[in-house]
Amino acid sequence: MALPPLVEPVDALTDAELERTARHRALFAIGDIGQRRLAAARVAVVGAGGLGSSVILGLAAAGVGTIGIIDDDVVDLTNLHRQIIHSVDTLGEPKTESAAARARGLAPEVRILEHPVRLTAANAREILGAYDLVLDGSDTFETRDVVDAAAAELAIPVVWGSVLEFWSQVTVFWSAPPAGAQPVRLSDLFPTGSTGQVFTCAQVGVLASVCMQTGSLMASEAIKLIVGVGRPLLGRVAVIDALAGTMRELEVRAAAAAAVPSHA
């Protein structure tokens, strides 16, 4: 079921933003009021890497009003096959700086906030507390647990994505969703201690196009939550298999995780 819109709309868009988002506003499920809701939204993106690249570009292009980018890494040449928001011209720069410049070039009226830090239990609540929604594209369960705990405390939703090799997963976690929806958290999908050894992209690789596909799906889930349209992936996990050319769905319930491959 569709959930209520996450934010109230801004009063009006500028003439330039009206023109830039004309094809977006033409969508019957978004329209003028949906676009104004996007302009009002404040969204945090954890990680400006393989998933975060497509997420940030998708959100900026959609006209999300404020995007906070959280990453403590710098751009490396090995990043560029999948982290499409960066370029050879930004090698050595902080990823937050590189990603922010690209997003501003795409959507000048979008407010981009840079957080060039590692998200920890000590700073997560303060940083994420300034946002309506979090998109988690981090690549370690340590950071994912931090995001989950802070978002649960703040009662804000998390669009979560994970990718490795040819496979990926996307879902929505929310500790306190609107009435009629069941709360689901990261621990419902991956109970504590259940993940075992988690390989990294550096060890086993990752297909660049799957990063882009997954990040785009995450951005779409964020837009649906902000505008209040469609059926969000709350309580459902989309599992993408690029080798088979399929996307299947698995159900996740609170305190009863579905059996899903453990890709990081």
Protein backbone atom coordinates (compact mmCIF):
# COMPACT_ATOMS: atom_id res chain seq x y z
CA MET A 1 0.00 0.00 0.00
CA ALA A 2 1.06 3.60 -0.50
CA LEU A 3 2.10 5.43 2.64
CA PRO A 4 1.29 9.07 3.48
CA PRO A 5 3.74 11.62 2.04
CA LEU A 6 6.83 11.99 4.17
CA VAL A 7 6.95 15.80 4.04
CA GLU A 8 4.77 18.83 3.45
CA PRO A 9 5.40 20.60 0.12
CA VAL A 10 7.20 23.92 -0.28
CA ASP A 11 4.97 26.81 -1.32
CA ALA A 12 6.38 27.16 -4.83
CA LEU A 13 9.23 26.26 -7.17
CA THR A 14 11.35 28.81 -9.00
CA ASP A 15 10.79 29.32 -12.71
CA ALA A 16 14.11 27.61 -13.45
CA GLU A 17 13.24 24.57 -11.35
CA LEU A 18 9.79 24.39 -12.89
CA GLU A 19 11.39 24.20 -16.31
CA ARG A 20 14.13 21.76 -15.27
CA THR A 21 11.65 19.33 -13.70
CA ALA A 22 8.90 19.69 -16.32
CA ARG A 23 9.05 16.06 -17.46
CA HIS A 24 9.01 14.90 -13.84
CA ARG A 25 5.99 17.02 -12.95
CA ALA A 26 4.18 15.62 -15.98
CA LEU A 27 3.96 12.24 -14.22
CA PHE A 28 0.40 11.86 -12.98
CA ALA A 29 1.52 10.45 -9.62
CA ILE A 30 3.92 13.33 -8.96
CA GLY A 31 2.56 16.49 -10.52
CA ASP A 32 3.17 19.93 -9.08
CA ILE A 33 2.49 19.05 -5.45
CA GLY A 34 4.70 15.96 -5.58
CA GLN A 35 7.54 17.98 -7.05
CA ARG A 36 7.12 20.55 -4.30
CA ARG A 37 7.29 17.74 -1.73
CA LEU A 38 10.58 16.61 -3.26
CA ALA A 39 11.87 20.18 -2.99
CA ALA A 40 10.96 20.20 0.71
CA ALA A 41 12.65 16.88 1.51
CA ARG A 42 15.95 16.51 3.36
CA VAL A 43 17.70 13.25 2.49
CA ALA A 44 20.94 11.82 3.89
CA VAL A 45 23.03 9.49 1.72
CA VAL A 46 25.50 7.27 3.56
CA GLY A 47 28.35 6.48 1.19
CA ALA A 48 29.29 8.20 -2.06
CA GLY A 49 30.52 5.00 -3.67
CA GLY A 50 29.05 2.44 -6.05
CA LEU A 51 25.49 2.76 -4.76
CA GLY A 52 25.70 6.33 -3.50
CA SER A 53 26.82 7.62 -6.89
CA SER A 54 23.58 6.67 -8.64
CA VAL A 55 21.53 7.54 -5.57
CA ILE A 56 22.90 11.09 -5.37
CA LEU A 57 22.54 11.70 -9.10
CA GLY A 58 18.99 10.31 -9.06
CA LEU A 59 17.91 12.41 -6.08
CA ALA A 60 19.51 15.61 -7.39
CA ALA A 61 17.98 15.13 -10.84
CA ALA A 62 14.59 14.53 -9.21
CA GLY A 63 14.79 17.86 -7.40
CA VAL A 64 15.17 16.70 -3.80
CA GLY A 65 15.68 19.96 -1.92
CA THR A 66 18.48 19.01 0.47
CA ILE A 67 20.92 16.13 0.07
CA GLY A 68 23.50 15.34 2.73
CA ILE A 69 26.46 13.24 1.58
CA ILE A 70 28.28 11.26 4.28
CA ASP A 71 31.63 9.67 3.38
CA ASP A 72 35.16 9.90 4.80
CA ASP A 73 37.00 8.43 1.80
CA VAL A 74 38.81 10.01 -1.16
CA VAL A 75 38.39 9.24 -4.86
CA ASP A 76 40.69 6.46 -6.12
CA LEU A 77 41.23 5.24 -9.68
CA THR A 78 39.83 1.81 -8.79
CA ASN A 79 36.54 3.47 -7.84
CA LEU A 80 35.75 4.83 -11.27
CA HIS A 81 34.43 1.72 -12.98
CA ARG A 82 31.33 1.80 -10.77
CA GLN A 83 31.31 5.10 -8.84
CA ILE A 84 30.03 7.14 -11.74
CA ILE A 85 29.59 10.42 -9.90
CA HIS A 86 33.39 10.81 -9.70
CA SER A 87 35.93 11.28 -12.50
CA VAL A 88 39.65 11.23 -13.23
CA ASP A 89 39.60 14.97 -12.64
CA THR A 90 38.63 14.44 -8.99
CA LEU A 91 41.16 11.73 -8.09
CA GLY A 92 42.46 12.32 -4.58
CA GLU A 93 39.58 14.63 -3.64
CA PRO A 94 37.22 13.80 -0.77
CA LYS A 95 34.30 11.86 -2.19
CA THR A 96 31.87 14.27 -0.55
CA GLU A 97 33.46 17.19 -2.41
CA SER A 98 33.59 15.37 -5.74
CA ALA A 99 30.00 14.12 -5.48
CA ALA A 100 28.67 17.49 -4.31
CA ALA A 101 30.22 19.32 -7.26
CA ARG A 102 28.69 16.88 -9.74
CA ALA A 103 25.26 17.08 -8.10
CA ARG A 104 25.33 20.88 -8.04
CA GLY A 105 26.18 20.91 -11.73
CA LEU A 106 23.18 18.73 -12.44
CA ALA A 107 20.70 20.57 -10.22
CA PRO A 108 21.95 24.00 -9.13
CA GLU A 109 19.00 24.72 -6.85
CA VAL A 110 19.43 21.57 -4.79
CA ARG A 111 21.18 22.22 -1.48
CA ILE A 112 24.10 19.81 -1.03
CA LEU A 113 25.60 19.36 2.44
CA GLU A 114 28.95 17.61 2.82
CA HIS A 115 29.77 15.42 5.81
CA PRO A 116 33.36 14.18 5.21
CA VAL A 117 33.31 11.91 8.27
CA ARG A 118 32.82 8.27 9.12
CA LEU A 119 29.40 7.66 10.62
CA THR A 120 29.74 6.23 14.14
CA ALA A 121 27.55 5.62 17.15
CA ALA A 122 28.93 8.87 18.57
CA ASN A 123 27.88 11.15 15.68
CA ALA A 124 25.12 9.33 13.79
CA ARG A 125 22.15 10.69 15.72
CA GLU A 126 23.35 14.28 15.45
CA ILE A 127 24.05 14.04 11.71
CA LEU A 128 21.01 12.02 10.68
CA GLY A 129 18.71 14.03 12.94
CA ALA A 130 18.78 16.86 10.39
CA TYR A 131 17.14 14.69 7.71
CA ASP A 132 13.73 13.19 6.91
CA LEU A 133 15.05 10.02 5.29
CA VAL A 134 18.30 8.05 5.02
CA LEU A 135 19.62 6.06 2.06
CA ASP A 136 22.25 3.60 3.24
CA GLY A 137 24.74 2.52 0.59
CA SER A 138 27.51 1.68 3.04
CA ASP A 139 29.56 -1.48 2.59
CA THR A 140 30.14 -2.74 6.14
CA PHE A 141 27.73 -4.14 8.70
CA GLU A 142 29.37 -1.96 11.34
CA THR A 143 28.15 1.18 9.56
CA ARG A 144 24.81 -0.40 8.65
CA ASP A 145 24.18 -1.21 12.31
CA VAL A 146 25.01 2.40 13.25
CA VAL A 147 22.58 3.75 10.64
CA ASP A 148 19.86 1.33 11.72
CA ALA A 149 20.20 2.23 15.40
CA ALA A 150 20.21 5.99 14.83
CA ALA A 151 17.32 5.90 12.35
CA ALA A 152 15.28 3.77 14.75
CA GLU A 153 15.88 6.23 17.55
CA LEU A 154 14.92 9.13 15.26
CA ALA A 155 11.93 7.19 13.84
CA ILE A 156 12.95 7.99 10.24
CA PRO A 157 12.88 5.51 7.34
CA VAL A 158 15.97 3.94 5.77
CA VAL A 159 16.22 2.89 2.13
CA TRP A 160 18.85 0.18 2.25
CA GLY A 161 20.89 -1.34 -0.56
CA SER A 162 23.65 -3.92 -0.86
CA VAL A 163 25.59 -5.17 -3.89
CA LEU A 164 28.33 -7.70 -4.57
CA GLU A 165 29.44 -9.51 -7.73
CA PHE A 166 26.30 -9.87 -9.92
CA TRP A 167 23.67 -9.64 -7.17
CA SER A 168 22.07 -6.95 -5.06
CA GLN A 169 19.28 -6.29 -2.60
CA VAL A 170 17.10 -3.27 -1.86
CA THR A 171 14.56 -2.76 0.91
CA VAL A 172 13.07 -0.16 3.25
CA PHE A 173 13.48 -0.26 7.03
CA TRP A 174 11.34 1.84 9.34
CA SER A 175 11.04 1.40 13.09
CA ALA A 176 7.92 3.58 13.37
CA PRO A 177 6.01 3.59 10.05
CA PRO A 178 2.55 5.14 9.67
CA ALA A 179 -0.47 3.33 11.08
CA GLY A 180 -1.30 0.14 9.22
CA ALA A 181 2.30 -0.65 8.24
CA GLN A 182 4.48 -3.07 10.18
CA PRO A 183 7.87 -1.91 11.48
CA VAL A 184 10.90 -3.66 9.98
CA ARG A 185 14.56 -3.17 10.88
CA LEU A 186 17.93 -4.40 9.66
CA SER A 187 18.04 -7.05 12.39
CA ASP A 188 14.86 -8.59 10.97
CA LEU A 189 16.69 -9.26 7.70
CA PHE A 190 20.08 -10.04 9.22
CA PRO A 191 19.78 -11.15 12.85
CA THR A 192 22.78 -10.28 15.00
CA GLY A 193 25.64 -12.70 14.35
CA SER A 194 24.01 -14.26 11.28
CA THR A 195 26.14 -12.72 8.52
CA GLY A 196 29.35 -14.69 9.03
CA GLN A 197 32.27 -13.74 6.77
CA VAL A 198 31.33 -10.92 4.41
CA PHE A 199 33.42 -10.52 1.27
CA THR A 200 34.21 -7.13 -0.24
CA CYS A 201 34.17 -5.81 -3.80
CA ALA A 202 37.96 -5.71 -3.69
CA GLN A 203 38.03 -9.45 -2.98
CA VAL A 204 35.40 -10.80 -5.38
CA GLY A 205 34.47 -7.86 -7.62
CA VAL A 206 31.22 -6.19 -8.60
CA LEU A 207 29.46 -5.57 -11.91
CA ALA A 208 29.33 -1.81 -12.43
CA SER A 209 25.90 -1.83 -14.08
CA VAL A 210 24.38 -3.63 -11.08
CA CYS A 211 25.59 -0.79 -8.85
CA MET A 212 23.83 1.69 -11.12
CA GLN A 213 20.64 -0.39 -11.30
CA THR A 214 20.55 -0.84 -7.53
CA GLY A 215 21.28 2.80 -6.74
CA SER A 216 18.56 3.90 -9.15
CA LEU A 217 16.07 1.58 -7.47
CA MET A 218 17.04 3.03 -4.09
CA ALA A 219 16.46 6.57 -5.40
CA SER A 220 13.05 5.51 -6.71
CA GLU A 221 12.10 4.12 -3.30
CA ALA A 222 13.07 7.42 -1.69
CA ILE A 223 10.97 9.39 -4.16
CA LYS A 224 7.96 7.13 -3.50
CA LEU A 225 8.27 7.67 0.25
CA ILE A 226 8.68 11.44 -0.06
CA VAL A 227 5.77 11.92 -2.45
CA GLY A 228 3.54 9.21 -0.96
CA VAL A 229 2.96 7.14 -4.10
CA GLY A 230 3.29 3.51 -5.08
CA ARG A 231 4.07 0.57 -2.85
CA PRO A 232 7.36 1.02 -0.97
CA LEU A 233 9.64 -1.94 -0.30
CA LEU A 234 8.79 -1.90 3.41
CA GLY A 235 8.59 -5.54 4.50
CA ARG A 236 9.83 -6.71 1.10
CA VAL A 237 13.33 -7.21 -0.30
CA ALA A 238 13.98 -6.84 -4.01
CA VAL A 239 16.75 -9.25 -5.01
CA ILE A 240 18.45 -8.53 -8.34
CA ASP A 241 20.31 -11.31 -10.18
CA ALA A 242 22.09 -9.84 -13.19
CA LEU A 243 23.32 -13.22 -14.44
CA ALA A 244 19.80 -14.63 -14.57
CA GLY A 245 18.29 -11.30 -15.67
CA THR A 246 15.71 -11.45 -12.86
CA MET A 247 14.43 -9.44 -9.94
CA ARG A 248 12.48 -11.38 -7.35
CA GLU A 249 10.84 -10.36 -4.10
CA LEU A 250 11.11 -11.84 -0.63
CA GLU A 251 9.00 -10.95 2.39
CA VAL A 252 10.57 -9.75 5.64
CA ARG A 253 8.65 -9.59 8.90
CA ALA A 254 9.66 -8.12 12.22
CA ALA A 255 11.71 -10.63 14.25
CA ALA A 256 11.38 -13.22 11.47
CA ALA A 257 13.94 -12.72 8.74
CA ALA A 258 13.39 -14.14 5.27
CA ALA A 259 16.11 -16.31 3.82
CA VAL A 260 18.13 -13.99 1.61
CA PRO A 261 21.73 -14.43 0.33
CA SER A 262 24.23 -12.49 2.47
CA HIS A 263 25.78 -10.12 -0.08
CA ALA A 264 27.61 -7.05 1.23
